[in-house]
Amino acid sequence: MKLLNIIRSEPDDITKTFIEDFSKDDGAKKVVLYEGDTDWSALVDDIFSYDKVVCWW
């Protein structure tokens, strides 16, 4: 299963642990929005191509 993690703001330590645990599969990807330039077109494509999407506030 392909999992997309969208991270909107800098996570605390507990949230980082959750994200890392969920992302152990080979099909996992992280998109970090708070670090700068975001390719919004690619993000929309990823949202529709991944099986599950988790948005971390």
N, C-alpha and C. Protein backbone atom coordinates (compact mmCIF):
# COMPACT_ATOMS: atom_id res chain seq x y z
N MET A 1 0.84 -1.17 0.00
CA MET A 1 0.00 0.00 0.00
C MET A 1 0.89 1.24 0.00
N LYS A 2 0.57 2.18 -0.86
CA LYS A 2 1.31 3.42 -0.96
C LYS A 2 0.69 4.47 -0.04
N LEU A 3 1.53 5.04 0.84
CA LEU A 3 1.07 6.02 1.82
C LEU A 3 1.76 7.35 1.58
N LEU A 4 0.96 8.42 1.52
CA LEU A 4 1.48 9.77 1.36
C LEU A 4 1.25 10.54 2.65
N ASN A 5 2.32 11.05 3.25
CA ASN A 5 2.25 11.88 4.45
C ASN A 5 2.47 13.33 4.03
N ILE A 6 1.48 14.17 4.30
CA ILE A 6 1.60 15.59 4.03
C ILE A 6 1.78 16.28 5.38
N ILE A 7 2.92 16.95 5.55
CA ILE A 7 3.26 17.55 6.84
C ILE A 7 3.18 19.07 6.68
N ARG A 8 2.20 19.66 7.33
CA ARG A 8 1.92 21.09 7.16
C ARG A 8 2.79 21.97 8.05
N SER A 9 3.01 21.58 9.29
CA SER A 9 3.83 22.38 10.21
C SER A 9 4.86 21.46 10.86
N GLU A 10 5.86 22.08 11.47
CA GLU A 10 6.93 21.28 12.07
C GLU A 10 6.36 20.42 13.19
N PRO A 11 6.53 19.10 13.08
CA PRO A 11 5.96 18.19 14.08
C PRO A 11 6.78 18.16 15.37
N ASP A 12 6.09 17.86 16.47
CA ASP A 12 6.81 17.65 17.73
C ASP A 12 7.39 16.22 17.72
N ASP A 13 8.07 15.85 18.78
CA ASP A 13 8.76 14.56 18.81
C ASP A 13 7.80 13.37 18.70
N ILE A 14 6.66 13.45 19.36
CA ILE A 14 5.70 12.34 19.31
C ILE A 14 5.15 12.18 17.89
N THR A 15 4.82 13.29 17.26
CA THR A 15 4.30 13.24 15.89
C THR A 15 5.36 12.72 14.93
N LYS A 16 6.61 13.13 15.11
CA LYS A 16 7.70 12.61 14.28
C LYS A 16 7.79 11.09 14.39
N THR A 17 7.62 10.58 15.61
CA THR A 17 7.66 9.14 15.82
C THR A 17 6.54 8.45 15.07
N PHE A 18 5.33 9.00 15.14
CA PHE A 18 4.20 8.43 14.40
C PHE A 18 4.47 8.43 12.89
N ILE A 19 4.94 9.54 12.38
CA ILE A 19 5.20 9.66 10.95
C ILE A 19 6.24 8.63 10.52
N GLU A 20 7.31 8.50 11.28
CA GLU A 20 8.36 7.53 10.94
C GLU A 20 7.83 6.09 11.00
N ASP A 21 7.02 5.79 12.01
CA ASP A 21 6.46 4.44 12.13
C ASP A 21 5.52 4.12 10.96
N PHE A 22 4.70 5.09 10.56
CA PHE A 22 3.79 4.88 9.44
C PHE A 22 4.53 4.80 8.11
N SER A 23 5.72 5.39 8.03
CA SER A 23 6.45 5.49 6.77
C SER A 23 7.48 4.40 6.57
N LYS A 24 7.42 3.35 7.34
CA LYS A 24 8.41 2.27 7.23
C LYS A 24 8.27 1.47 5.94
N ASP A 25 7.10 1.46 5.34
CA ASP A 25 6.89 0.72 4.10
C ASP A 25 7.60 1.40 2.94
N ASP A 26 7.94 0.60 1.93
CA ASP A 26 8.62 1.15 0.76
C ASP A 26 7.76 2.12 -0.03
N GLY A 27 6.44 1.98 0.08
CA GLY A 27 5.55 2.81 -0.70
C GLY A 27 5.18 4.11 -0.02
N ALA A 28 5.91 4.53 1.00
CA ALA A 28 5.57 5.74 1.75
C ALA A 28 6.39 6.93 1.25
N LYS A 29 5.74 8.09 1.25
CA LYS A 29 6.40 9.33 0.84
C LYS A 29 5.98 10.44 1.79
N LYS A 30 6.90 11.36 2.06
CA LYS A 30 6.61 12.53 2.89
C LYS A 30 6.73 13.78 2.03
N VAL A 31 5.74 14.65 2.15
CA VAL A 31 5.78 15.97 1.52
C VAL A 31 5.72 16.98 2.66
N VAL A 32 6.77 17.78 2.79
CA VAL A 32 6.87 18.74 3.88
C VAL A 32 6.55 20.13 3.33
N LEU A 33 5.44 20.69 3.78
CA LEU A 33 4.98 21.98 3.25
C LEU A 33 5.63 23.17 3.94
N TYR A 34 6.06 23.02 5.18
CA TYR A 34 6.56 24.17 5.94
C TYR A 34 8.01 24.54 5.62
N GLU A 35 8.70 23.74 4.84
CA GLU A 35 10.12 23.99 4.58
C GLU A 35 10.37 24.92 3.39
N GLY A 36 9.37 25.23 2.63
CA GLY A 36 9.63 26.14 1.52
C GLY A 36 8.80 25.83 0.30
N ASP A 37 9.46 25.91 -0.86
CA ASP A 37 8.77 25.75 -2.13
C ASP A 37 8.10 24.38 -2.24
N THR A 38 6.85 24.43 -2.66
CA THR A 38 6.07 23.21 -2.84
C THR A 38 5.60 23.15 -4.28
N ASP A 39 5.81 22.01 -4.90
CA ASP A 39 5.30 21.79 -6.25
C ASP A 39 3.85 21.32 -6.10
N TRP A 40 2.93 22.28 -6.15
CA TRP A 40 1.52 21.99 -5.87
C TRP A 40 0.93 21.05 -6.91
N SER A 41 1.33 21.18 -8.13
CA SER A 41 0.81 20.30 -9.18
C SER A 41 1.22 18.85 -8.92
N ALA A 42 2.47 18.65 -8.54
CA ALA A 42 2.95 17.31 -8.22
C ALA A 42 2.25 16.77 -6.97
N LEU A 43 1.98 17.64 -6.00
CA LEU A 43 1.28 17.20 -4.80
C LEU A 43 -0.12 16.71 -5.13
N VAL A 44 -0.83 17.43 -5.96
CA VAL A 44 -2.18 16.99 -6.36
C VAL A 44 -2.10 15.65 -7.08
N ASP A 45 -1.13 15.49 -7.97
CA ASP A 45 -0.95 14.21 -8.66
C ASP A 45 -0.68 13.09 -7.65
N ASP A 46 0.17 13.37 -6.65
CA ASP A 46 0.48 12.36 -5.62
C ASP A 46 -0.77 11.99 -4.83
N ILE A 47 -1.58 12.98 -4.47
CA ILE A 47 -2.78 12.70 -3.68
C ILE A 47 -3.68 11.70 -4.40
N PHE A 48 -3.80 11.84 -5.71
CA PHE A 48 -4.67 10.93 -6.45
C PHE A 48 -4.00 9.61 -6.81
N SER A 49 -2.68 9.53 -6.72
CA SER A 49 -2.00 8.29 -7.09
C SER A 49 -1.67 7.38 -5.89
N TYR A 50 -1.74 7.92 -4.67
CA TYR A 50 -1.44 7.11 -3.49
C TYR A 50 -2.72 6.48 -2.95
N ASP A 51 -2.56 5.32 -2.29
CA ASP A 51 -3.70 4.60 -1.74
C ASP A 51 -4.28 5.30 -0.51
N LYS A 52 -3.39 5.82 0.35
CA LYS A 52 -3.81 6.52 1.56
C LYS A 52 -3.04 7.81 1.69
N VAL A 53 -3.73 8.85 2.19
CA VAL A 53 -3.11 10.14 2.41
C VAL A 53 -3.38 10.55 3.85
N VAL A 54 -2.31 10.90 4.58
CA VAL A 54 -2.44 11.38 5.95
C VAL A 54 -1.90 12.79 5.99
N CYS A 55 -2.72 13.73 6.47
CA CYS A 55 -2.30 15.12 6.60
C CYS A 55 -1.99 15.39 8.06
N TRP A 56 -0.78 15.81 8.32
CA TRP A 56 -0.32 16.12 9.67
C TRP A 56 -0.35 17.61 9.84
N TRP A 57 -1.10 18.10 10.81
CA TRP A 57 -1.24 19.52 11.01
C TRP A 57 -0.07 20.00 11.78
